[in-house]
N, C-alpha and C. Protein backbone atom coordinates (compact mmCIF):
# COMPACT_ATOMS: atom_id res chain seq x y z
N MET A 1 51.02 -17.72 -26.94
CA MET A 1 49.78 -18.48 -27.06
C MET A 1 48.99 -18.32 -25.75
N ASP A 2 47.72 -17.99 -25.89
CA ASP A 2 46.88 -17.80 -24.71
C ASP A 2 46.50 -19.15 -24.11
N THR A 3 46.38 -19.13 -22.83
CA THR A 3 45.90 -20.34 -22.17
C THR A 3 44.39 -20.37 -22.27
N VAL A 4 43.82 -21.50 -21.98
CA VAL A 4 42.38 -21.67 -22.03
C VAL A 4 41.71 -20.71 -21.05
N LEU A 5 42.29 -20.56 -19.88
CA LEU A 5 41.72 -19.69 -18.85
C LEU A 5 41.71 -18.24 -19.32
N GLU A 6 42.78 -17.80 -19.99
CA GLU A 6 42.83 -16.42 -20.48
C GLU A 6 41.79 -16.19 -21.57
N ARG A 7 41.58 -17.18 -22.42
CA ARG A 7 40.55 -17.04 -23.46
C ARG A 7 39.15 -16.99 -22.85
N ILE A 8 38.95 -17.75 -21.80
CA ILE A 8 37.65 -17.73 -21.11
C ILE A 8 37.42 -16.36 -20.48
N HIS A 9 38.42 -15.81 -19.82
CA HIS A 9 38.30 -14.48 -19.21
C HIS A 9 38.02 -13.42 -20.27
N ALA A 10 38.68 -13.53 -21.43
CA ALA A 10 38.45 -12.57 -22.51
C ALA A 10 37.02 -12.69 -23.04
N LYS A 11 36.53 -13.91 -23.16
CA LYS A 11 35.16 -14.12 -23.63
C LYS A 11 34.16 -13.57 -22.63
N ILE A 12 34.40 -13.76 -21.34
CA ILE A 12 33.51 -13.22 -20.30
C ILE A 12 33.49 -11.71 -20.37
N ALA A 13 34.63 -11.09 -20.51
CA ALA A 13 34.70 -9.63 -20.61
C ALA A 13 33.93 -9.13 -21.83
N ASP A 14 34.05 -9.84 -22.94
CA ASP A 14 33.32 -9.47 -24.16
C ASP A 14 31.81 -9.57 -23.94
N LEU A 15 31.36 -10.66 -23.31
CA LEU A 15 29.93 -10.84 -23.04
C LEU A 15 29.40 -9.78 -22.07
N GLU A 16 30.19 -9.42 -21.06
CA GLU A 16 29.77 -8.38 -20.12
C GLU A 16 29.62 -7.03 -20.83
N ALA A 17 30.50 -6.73 -21.75
CA ALA A 17 30.40 -5.49 -22.53
C ALA A 17 29.12 -5.50 -23.36
N LYS A 18 28.80 -6.65 -23.96
CA LYS A 18 27.57 -6.76 -24.76
C LYS A 18 26.34 -6.58 -23.87
N ILE A 19 26.37 -7.15 -22.67
CA ILE A 19 25.26 -6.99 -21.73
C ILE A 19 25.07 -5.52 -21.39
N GLY A 20 26.15 -4.82 -21.14
CA GLY A 20 26.08 -3.40 -20.84
C GLY A 20 25.45 -2.61 -21.99
N ASP A 21 25.85 -2.94 -23.22
CA ASP A 21 25.28 -2.28 -24.40
C ASP A 21 23.78 -2.58 -24.52
N LEU A 22 23.38 -3.82 -24.24
CA LEU A 22 21.98 -4.19 -24.32
C LEU A 22 21.15 -3.46 -23.26
N ARG A 23 21.71 -3.27 -22.07
CA ARG A 23 20.99 -2.54 -21.02
C ARG A 23 20.77 -1.09 -21.43
N ILE A 24 21.78 -0.49 -22.04
CA ILE A 24 21.64 0.89 -22.51
C ILE A 24 20.56 0.95 -23.58
N ALA A 25 20.57 0.02 -24.51
CA ALA A 25 19.57 -0.01 -25.57
C ALA A 25 18.17 -0.20 -25.00
N GLU A 26 18.06 -1.05 -23.96
CA GLU A 26 16.77 -1.27 -23.33
C GLU A 26 16.24 0.00 -22.70
N ARG A 27 17.11 0.75 -21.98
CA ARG A 27 16.69 2.00 -21.36
C ARG A 27 16.24 3.00 -22.42
N GLU A 28 16.96 3.06 -23.53
CA GLU A 28 16.60 3.99 -24.60
C GLU A 28 15.26 3.61 -25.22
N LEU A 29 15.02 2.33 -25.41
CA LEU A 29 13.74 1.88 -25.95
C LEU A 29 12.59 2.20 -24.99
N GLN A 30 12.82 2.01 -23.70
CA GLN A 30 11.78 2.34 -22.73
C GLN A 30 11.49 3.83 -22.74
N ALA A 31 12.51 4.65 -22.86
CA ALA A 31 12.30 6.09 -22.92
C ALA A 31 11.53 6.46 -24.18
N LEU A 32 11.87 5.83 -25.31
CA LEU A 32 11.14 6.10 -26.55
C LEU A 32 9.69 5.66 -26.46
N ASP A 33 9.43 4.53 -25.80
CA ASP A 33 8.05 4.06 -25.62
C ASP A 33 7.25 5.07 -24.81
N LYS A 34 7.86 5.63 -23.78
CA LYS A 34 7.16 6.61 -22.95
C LYS A 34 6.87 7.87 -23.75
N ILE A 35 7.83 8.30 -24.57
CA ILE A 35 7.64 9.50 -25.38
C ILE A 35 6.55 9.27 -26.42
N SER A 36 6.58 8.12 -27.10
CA SER A 36 5.58 7.84 -28.13
C SER A 36 4.19 7.69 -27.52
N ALA A 37 4.11 7.16 -26.29
CA ALA A 37 2.82 7.03 -25.63
C ALA A 37 2.24 8.40 -25.32
N ARG A 38 3.08 9.35 -24.99
CA ARG A 38 2.61 10.71 -24.72
C ARG A 38 2.16 11.40 -26.00
N GLN A 39 2.86 11.15 -27.11
CA GLN A 39 2.57 11.84 -28.36
C GLN A 39 1.34 11.27 -29.05
N THR A 40 0.92 10.07 -28.76
CA THR A 40 -0.20 9.47 -29.45
C THR A 40 -1.54 9.96 -28.93
N LYS A 41 -1.55 10.76 -27.91
CA LYS A 41 -2.81 11.29 -27.41
C LYS A 41 -3.42 12.20 -28.47
N THR A 42 -4.71 12.03 -28.71
CA THR A 42 -5.37 12.85 -29.71
C THR A 42 -5.79 14.17 -29.07
N THR A 43 -5.73 15.21 -29.88
CA THR A 43 -6.14 16.51 -29.37
C THR A 43 -7.62 16.70 -29.64
N SER A 44 -8.28 17.43 -28.78
CA SER A 44 -9.70 17.65 -28.94
C SER A 44 -9.93 18.76 -29.95
N GLU A 45 -11.13 18.84 -30.45
CA GLU A 45 -11.50 19.87 -31.42
C GLU A 45 -11.39 21.23 -30.75
N PRO A 46 -10.98 22.26 -31.49
CA PRO A 46 -10.90 23.59 -30.88
C PRO A 46 -12.29 24.08 -30.50
N LYS A 47 -12.36 24.74 -29.36
CA LYS A 47 -13.63 25.24 -28.86
C LYS A 47 -14.00 26.51 -29.61
N ALA A 48 -15.30 26.74 -29.70
CA ALA A 48 -15.78 27.96 -30.34
C ALA A 48 -15.38 29.15 -29.50
N LYS A 49 -14.96 30.22 -30.18
CA LYS A 49 -14.51 31.40 -29.45
C LYS A 49 -15.70 32.12 -28.84
N GLN A 50 -15.50 32.58 -27.63
CA GLN A 50 -16.52 33.35 -26.94
C GLN A 50 -16.03 34.76 -26.78
N LYS A 51 -16.97 35.66 -26.58
CA LYS A 51 -16.59 37.05 -26.35
C LYS A 51 -15.92 37.14 -24.98
N PRO A 52 -14.80 37.83 -24.92
CA PRO A 52 -14.14 37.94 -23.62
C PRO A 52 -14.96 38.80 -22.66
N GLY A 53 -15.04 38.31 -21.44
CA GLY A 53 -15.73 39.06 -20.39
C GLY A 53 -14.73 39.90 -19.63
N PRO A 54 -15.19 40.53 -18.57
CA PRO A 54 -14.26 41.34 -17.77
C PRO A 54 -13.24 40.42 -17.10
N LYS A 55 -12.00 40.86 -17.10
CA LYS A 55 -10.93 40.05 -16.51
C LYS A 55 -10.97 40.17 -14.99
N ALA A 56 -10.84 39.01 -14.36
CA ALA A 56 -10.79 38.99 -12.90
C ALA A 56 -9.35 39.20 -12.47
N VAL A 57 -9.18 39.88 -11.37
CA VAL A 57 -7.85 40.11 -10.84
C VAL A 57 -7.47 38.89 -10.02
N ARG A 58 -6.35 38.25 -10.42
CA ARG A 58 -5.88 37.07 -9.71
C ARG A 58 -4.72 37.43 -8.80
N PRO A 59 -4.63 36.75 -7.65
CA PRO A 59 -3.44 36.96 -6.83
C PRO A 59 -2.24 36.36 -7.54
N PRO A 60 -1.04 36.81 -7.24
CA PRO A 60 0.14 36.26 -7.91
C PRO A 60 0.26 34.77 -7.64
N LYS A 61 0.70 34.04 -8.66
CA LYS A 61 0.84 32.59 -8.56
C LYS A 61 2.05 32.24 -7.70
N LEU A 62 1.82 31.32 -6.76
CA LEU A 62 2.91 30.85 -5.90
C LEU A 62 3.66 29.76 -6.62
N LYS A 63 4.97 29.74 -6.47
CA LYS A 63 5.78 28.71 -7.11
C LYS A 63 5.55 27.37 -6.45
N GLY A 64 5.52 26.33 -7.26
CA GLY A 64 5.45 24.98 -6.72
C GLY A 64 4.05 24.45 -6.51
N LYS A 65 3.04 25.33 -6.46
CA LYS A 65 1.68 24.86 -6.24
C LYS A 65 0.89 24.99 -7.52
N PRO A 66 0.36 23.88 -8.06
CA PRO A 66 -0.44 23.97 -9.27
C PRO A 66 -1.81 24.54 -8.95
N GLU A 67 -2.36 25.28 -9.89
CA GLU A 67 -3.70 25.82 -9.69
C GLU A 67 -4.71 24.71 -9.85
N ALA A 68 -5.95 24.98 -9.46
CA ALA A 68 -6.98 23.95 -9.46
C ALA A 68 -7.24 23.41 -10.86
N GLY A 69 -7.16 24.24 -11.88
CA GLY A 69 -7.44 23.80 -13.23
C GLY A 69 -6.27 23.06 -13.88
N GLU A 70 -5.08 23.21 -13.36
CA GLU A 70 -3.90 22.58 -13.96
C GLU A 70 -3.77 21.14 -13.48
N PRO A 71 -3.51 20.21 -14.39
CA PRO A 71 -3.33 18.83 -13.96
C PRO A 71 -1.98 18.66 -13.25
N ALA A 72 -2.02 18.09 -12.09
CA ALA A 72 -0.79 17.85 -11.33
C ALA A 72 -0.30 16.45 -11.67
N GLU A 73 0.97 16.33 -12.00
CA GLU A 73 1.56 15.05 -12.35
C GLU A 73 2.27 14.48 -11.13
N PRO A 74 1.69 13.46 -10.48
CA PRO A 74 2.37 12.90 -9.31
C PRO A 74 3.65 12.21 -9.73
N ARG A 75 4.71 12.48 -8.99
CA ARG A 75 6.00 11.88 -9.32
C ARG A 75 6.64 11.37 -8.04
N GLN A 76 7.19 10.20 -8.13
CA GLN A 76 7.85 9.59 -7.00
C GLN A 76 9.14 10.36 -6.71
N THR A 77 9.38 10.65 -5.44
CA THR A 77 10.60 11.36 -5.09
C THR A 77 11.80 10.42 -5.25
N ILE A 78 12.97 11.02 -5.33
CA ILE A 78 14.18 10.20 -5.48
C ILE A 78 14.38 9.33 -4.25
N GLY A 79 14.11 9.90 -3.07
CA GLY A 79 14.24 9.12 -1.84
C GLY A 79 13.30 7.92 -1.83
N ALA A 80 12.07 8.12 -2.32
CA ALA A 80 11.13 7.00 -2.38
C ALA A 80 11.59 5.95 -3.39
N ALA A 81 12.15 6.41 -4.50
CA ALA A 81 12.65 5.47 -5.51
C ALA A 81 13.81 4.66 -4.94
N ILE A 82 14.70 5.33 -4.21
CA ILE A 82 15.84 4.63 -3.60
C ILE A 82 15.35 3.63 -2.56
N SER A 83 14.38 4.04 -1.74
CA SER A 83 13.83 3.14 -0.73
C SER A 83 13.21 1.91 -1.38
N ALA A 84 12.52 2.12 -2.49
CA ALA A 84 11.90 0.99 -3.19
C ALA A 84 12.97 0.03 -3.73
N VAL A 85 14.05 0.58 -4.26
CA VAL A 85 15.14 -0.25 -4.78
C VAL A 85 15.77 -1.05 -3.64
N LEU A 86 16.02 -0.39 -2.50
CA LEU A 86 16.63 -1.09 -1.37
C LEU A 86 15.70 -2.17 -0.82
N ALA A 87 14.40 -1.88 -0.79
CA ALA A 87 13.45 -2.87 -0.28
C ALA A 87 13.39 -4.08 -1.21
N GLU A 88 13.53 -3.84 -2.51
CA GLU A 88 13.42 -4.92 -3.48
C GLU A 88 14.69 -5.75 -3.59
N HIS A 89 15.85 -5.07 -3.58
CA HIS A 89 17.11 -5.77 -3.87
C HIS A 89 18.02 -5.98 -2.66
N GLY A 90 17.71 -5.40 -1.52
CA GLY A 90 18.56 -5.55 -0.36
C GLY A 90 19.74 -4.58 -0.38
N PRO A 91 20.74 -4.81 0.43
CA PRO A 91 21.88 -3.89 0.52
C PRO A 91 22.64 -3.78 -0.81
N LEU A 92 22.90 -2.52 -1.22
CA LEU A 92 23.61 -2.26 -2.47
C LEU A 92 24.55 -1.08 -2.28
N SER A 93 25.53 -0.97 -3.14
CA SER A 93 26.41 0.20 -3.12
C SER A 93 25.66 1.36 -3.77
N ALA A 94 26.16 2.57 -3.54
CA ALA A 94 25.50 3.76 -4.09
C ALA A 94 25.48 3.71 -5.62
N ALA A 95 26.54 3.23 -6.23
CA ALA A 95 26.59 3.14 -7.69
C ALA A 95 25.54 2.15 -8.21
N ASP A 96 25.38 1.01 -7.52
CA ASP A 96 24.37 0.03 -7.94
C ASP A 96 22.97 0.61 -7.79
N ILE A 97 22.75 1.36 -6.71
CA ILE A 97 21.44 1.98 -6.50
C ILE A 97 21.16 2.96 -7.64
N ALA A 98 22.15 3.77 -7.99
CA ALA A 98 21.97 4.74 -9.07
C ALA A 98 21.64 4.02 -10.38
N GLU A 99 22.33 2.93 -10.65
CA GLU A 99 22.08 2.18 -11.89
C GLU A 99 20.67 1.62 -11.92
N ARG A 100 20.20 1.10 -10.80
CA ARG A 100 18.86 0.51 -10.77
C ARG A 100 17.78 1.58 -10.86
N VAL A 101 18.02 2.75 -10.27
CA VAL A 101 17.04 3.84 -10.37
C VAL A 101 17.03 4.37 -11.81
N LYS A 102 18.19 4.44 -12.44
CA LYS A 102 18.27 4.87 -13.85
C LYS A 102 17.52 3.89 -14.74
N ALA A 103 17.57 2.61 -14.40
CA ALA A 103 16.89 1.59 -15.21
C ALA A 103 15.38 1.78 -15.18
N THR A 104 14.86 2.47 -14.17
CA THR A 104 13.42 2.72 -14.10
C THR A 104 13.02 3.91 -14.95
N GLY A 105 14.01 4.60 -15.55
CA GLY A 105 13.67 5.70 -16.43
C GLY A 105 13.99 7.08 -15.89
N ARG A 106 14.53 7.17 -14.69
CA ARG A 106 14.88 8.48 -14.14
C ARG A 106 16.26 8.89 -14.59
N ASP A 107 16.42 10.17 -14.84
CA ASP A 107 17.71 10.69 -15.28
C ASP A 107 18.40 11.30 -14.06
N ILE A 108 19.18 10.48 -13.36
CA ILE A 108 19.88 10.95 -12.16
C ILE A 108 21.34 10.53 -12.25
N ASN A 109 22.16 11.10 -11.36
CA ASN A 109 23.57 10.70 -11.34
C ASN A 109 23.93 10.20 -9.95
N ASN A 110 25.15 9.71 -9.81
CA ASN A 110 25.59 9.13 -8.53
C ASN A 110 25.59 10.17 -7.41
N ARG A 111 25.88 11.42 -7.75
CA ARG A 111 25.92 12.47 -6.73
C ARG A 111 24.53 12.69 -6.13
N THR A 112 23.52 12.71 -6.98
CA THR A 112 22.15 12.88 -6.50
C THR A 112 21.76 11.74 -5.57
N VAL A 113 22.13 10.53 -5.96
CA VAL A 113 21.82 9.36 -5.13
C VAL A 113 22.55 9.47 -3.80
N SER A 114 23.80 9.92 -3.80
CA SER A 114 24.57 10.06 -2.57
C SER A 114 23.91 11.05 -1.62
N PHE A 115 23.50 12.21 -2.16
CA PHE A 115 22.84 13.19 -1.30
C PHE A 115 21.52 12.65 -0.74
N SER A 116 20.77 11.95 -1.57
CA SER A 116 19.50 11.39 -1.11
C SER A 116 19.72 10.30 -0.06
N LEU A 117 20.77 9.51 -0.23
CA LEU A 117 21.07 8.48 0.77
C LEU A 117 21.44 9.11 2.11
N GLN A 118 22.21 10.21 2.07
CA GLN A 118 22.56 10.90 3.31
C GLN A 118 21.32 11.45 4.00
N ALA A 119 20.38 11.98 3.20
CA ALA A 119 19.14 12.51 3.77
C ALA A 119 18.31 11.38 4.38
N LEU A 120 18.25 10.23 3.72
CA LEU A 120 17.53 9.08 4.26
C LEU A 120 18.19 8.59 5.54
N LYS A 121 19.52 8.65 5.58
CA LYS A 121 20.26 8.23 6.77
C LYS A 121 19.92 9.14 7.95
N LYS A 122 19.87 10.46 7.70
CA LYS A 122 19.53 11.40 8.77
C LYS A 122 18.13 11.16 9.30
N ARG A 123 17.23 10.76 8.42
CA ARG A 123 15.85 10.49 8.84
C ARG A 123 15.68 9.10 9.44
N GLY A 124 16.74 8.31 9.42
CA GLY A 124 16.69 6.97 10.01
C GLY A 124 16.06 5.94 9.09
N LEU A 125 16.00 6.22 7.79
CA LEU A 125 15.37 5.30 6.85
C LEU A 125 16.37 4.44 6.08
N ALA A 126 17.66 4.77 6.20
CA ALA A 126 18.70 3.98 5.52
C ALA A 126 19.94 3.95 6.40
N LYS A 127 20.76 2.93 6.19
CA LYS A 127 22.01 2.83 6.94
C LYS A 127 23.09 2.32 6.01
N ASN A 128 24.34 2.64 6.35
CA ASN A 128 25.48 2.24 5.55
C ASN A 128 26.33 1.28 6.36
N VAL A 129 26.47 0.06 5.87
CA VAL A 129 27.28 -0.95 6.54
C VAL A 129 28.27 -1.50 5.53
N ASP A 130 29.55 -1.29 5.80
CA ASP A 130 30.63 -1.79 4.94
C ASP A 130 30.48 -1.34 3.49
N GLY A 131 30.10 -0.08 3.29
CA GLY A 131 29.98 0.46 1.95
C GLY A 131 28.71 0.08 1.21
N LYS A 132 27.84 -0.66 1.85
CA LYS A 132 26.57 -1.06 1.23
C LYS A 132 25.44 -0.36 1.97
N TRP A 133 24.51 0.19 1.23
CA TRP A 133 23.36 0.88 1.81
C TRP A 133 22.20 -0.08 1.90
N ALA A 134 21.48 -0.01 3.03
CA ALA A 134 20.32 -0.86 3.24
C ALA A 134 19.22 -0.06 3.89
N ALA A 135 17.99 -0.47 3.65
CA ALA A 135 16.85 0.16 4.30
C ALA A 135 16.80 -0.34 5.74
N THR A 136 16.52 0.57 6.66
CA THR A 136 16.38 0.15 8.05
C THR A 136 15.04 -0.54 8.21
N LYS A 137 14.91 -1.32 9.24
CA LYS A 137 13.66 -2.02 9.49
C LYS A 137 12.59 -1.00 9.84
N ALA A 138 11.39 -1.27 9.38
CA ALA A 138 10.28 -0.35 9.63
C ALA A 138 9.98 -0.30 11.12
N ARG A 139 9.87 0.92 11.60
CA ARG A 139 9.53 1.08 13.01
C ARG A 139 8.07 1.43 13.12
N GLY A 140 7.39 0.74 13.93
CA GLY A 140 5.97 1.03 14.10
C GLY A 140 5.36 0.02 15.03
N ARG A 141 4.22 0.41 15.59
CA ARG A 141 3.53 -0.51 16.48
C ARG A 141 2.54 -1.33 15.69
N LYS A 142 2.31 -2.52 16.15
CA LYS A 142 1.27 -3.33 15.55
C LYS A 142 -0.07 -2.76 15.98
N ALA A 143 -0.99 -2.74 15.06
CA ALA A 143 -2.30 -2.18 15.37
C ALA A 143 -3.05 -3.15 16.27
N ALA A 144 -3.60 -2.62 17.35
CA ALA A 144 -4.38 -3.44 18.26
C ALA A 144 -5.81 -3.53 17.76
N SER A 145 -6.46 -4.65 18.01
CA SER A 145 -7.85 -4.78 17.58
C SER A 145 -8.73 -3.91 18.46
N ALA A 146 -9.97 -3.75 18.06
CA ALA A 146 -10.88 -2.84 18.76
C ALA A 146 -11.12 -3.29 20.21
N SER A 147 -11.17 -4.58 20.45
CA SER A 147 -11.44 -5.05 21.80
C SER A 147 -10.18 -5.15 22.65
N GLY A 148 -9.01 -4.92 22.05
CA GLY A 148 -7.77 -4.99 22.79
C GLY A 148 -7.20 -6.40 22.86
N VAL A 149 -7.81 -7.35 22.17
CA VAL A 149 -7.35 -8.73 22.17
C VAL A 149 -6.38 -8.89 21.01
N ASN A 150 -5.28 -9.60 21.23
CA ASN A 150 -4.31 -9.76 20.15
C ASN A 150 -4.81 -10.73 19.09
N ALA A 151 -4.12 -10.78 17.96
CA ALA A 151 -4.56 -11.58 16.82
C ALA A 151 -4.56 -13.08 17.14
N ASP A 152 -3.61 -13.55 17.95
CA ASP A 152 -3.55 -15.00 18.28
C ASP A 152 -4.78 -15.41 19.07
N ALA A 153 -5.19 -14.56 19.99
CA ALA A 153 -6.37 -14.88 20.79
C ALA A 153 -7.61 -14.89 19.90
N THR A 154 -7.65 -14.02 18.92
CA THR A 154 -8.80 -13.96 18.02
C THR A 154 -8.85 -15.22 17.17
N LYS A 155 -7.68 -15.68 16.68
CA LYS A 155 -7.66 -16.91 15.87
C LYS A 155 -8.05 -18.12 16.72
N ALA A 156 -7.61 -18.15 17.96
CA ALA A 156 -7.94 -19.27 18.83
C ALA A 156 -9.42 -19.33 19.11
N ALA A 157 -10.04 -18.17 19.22
CA ALA A 157 -11.49 -18.13 19.52
C ALA A 157 -12.30 -18.56 18.30
N ALA A 158 -11.77 -18.39 17.11
CA ALA A 158 -12.55 -18.71 15.89
C ALA A 158 -12.58 -20.15 15.57
C-alpha cells in the first residue's frame, strides 16, 4: 500500500509530464502560426512580358551578401538570443538556456548553445559561476552632458 507522500510524488510526476507535453504542443502551435502567416500572403498579378533587352554582364555573386533587389531578412543571432534570455531570466544552466531559446521558435540544440556561451565568455559578455551562466554587467561610461555638468547638478538647478 502506498503512503500518502508516495501518491503525492506520483501525482506531481504525472503533472510535470503533462506540463512538458503542453509546452511541446505550444511550440508546435507557434510554429504552425508562423508558417500559416507566411502562406496567407497574397501573390500579385503576373506582370506583362516585355521583350528581353541586351543582357548586362554581372560580376559573380558573393556568398552571404544579398543583392540590392533581394529582401534581406534580419535575424537575431544565437548569441543575441542567449544574451536576451540571460538578461530576462538571470543565471541559468546551459540546458535551461537552450530550452528557453527553443521556446522562442529557434531550432537549436544544447551543443550550439554551449559553443555560443563559450564565445560570449571569450568576449566578456557571459560568465559561468557554479554551473550557471549569467550575463556580465554592462561595461560603459555614463554619457556626460554637453556642458560637462552631471545629471544631479542639472536636477538641482531645475
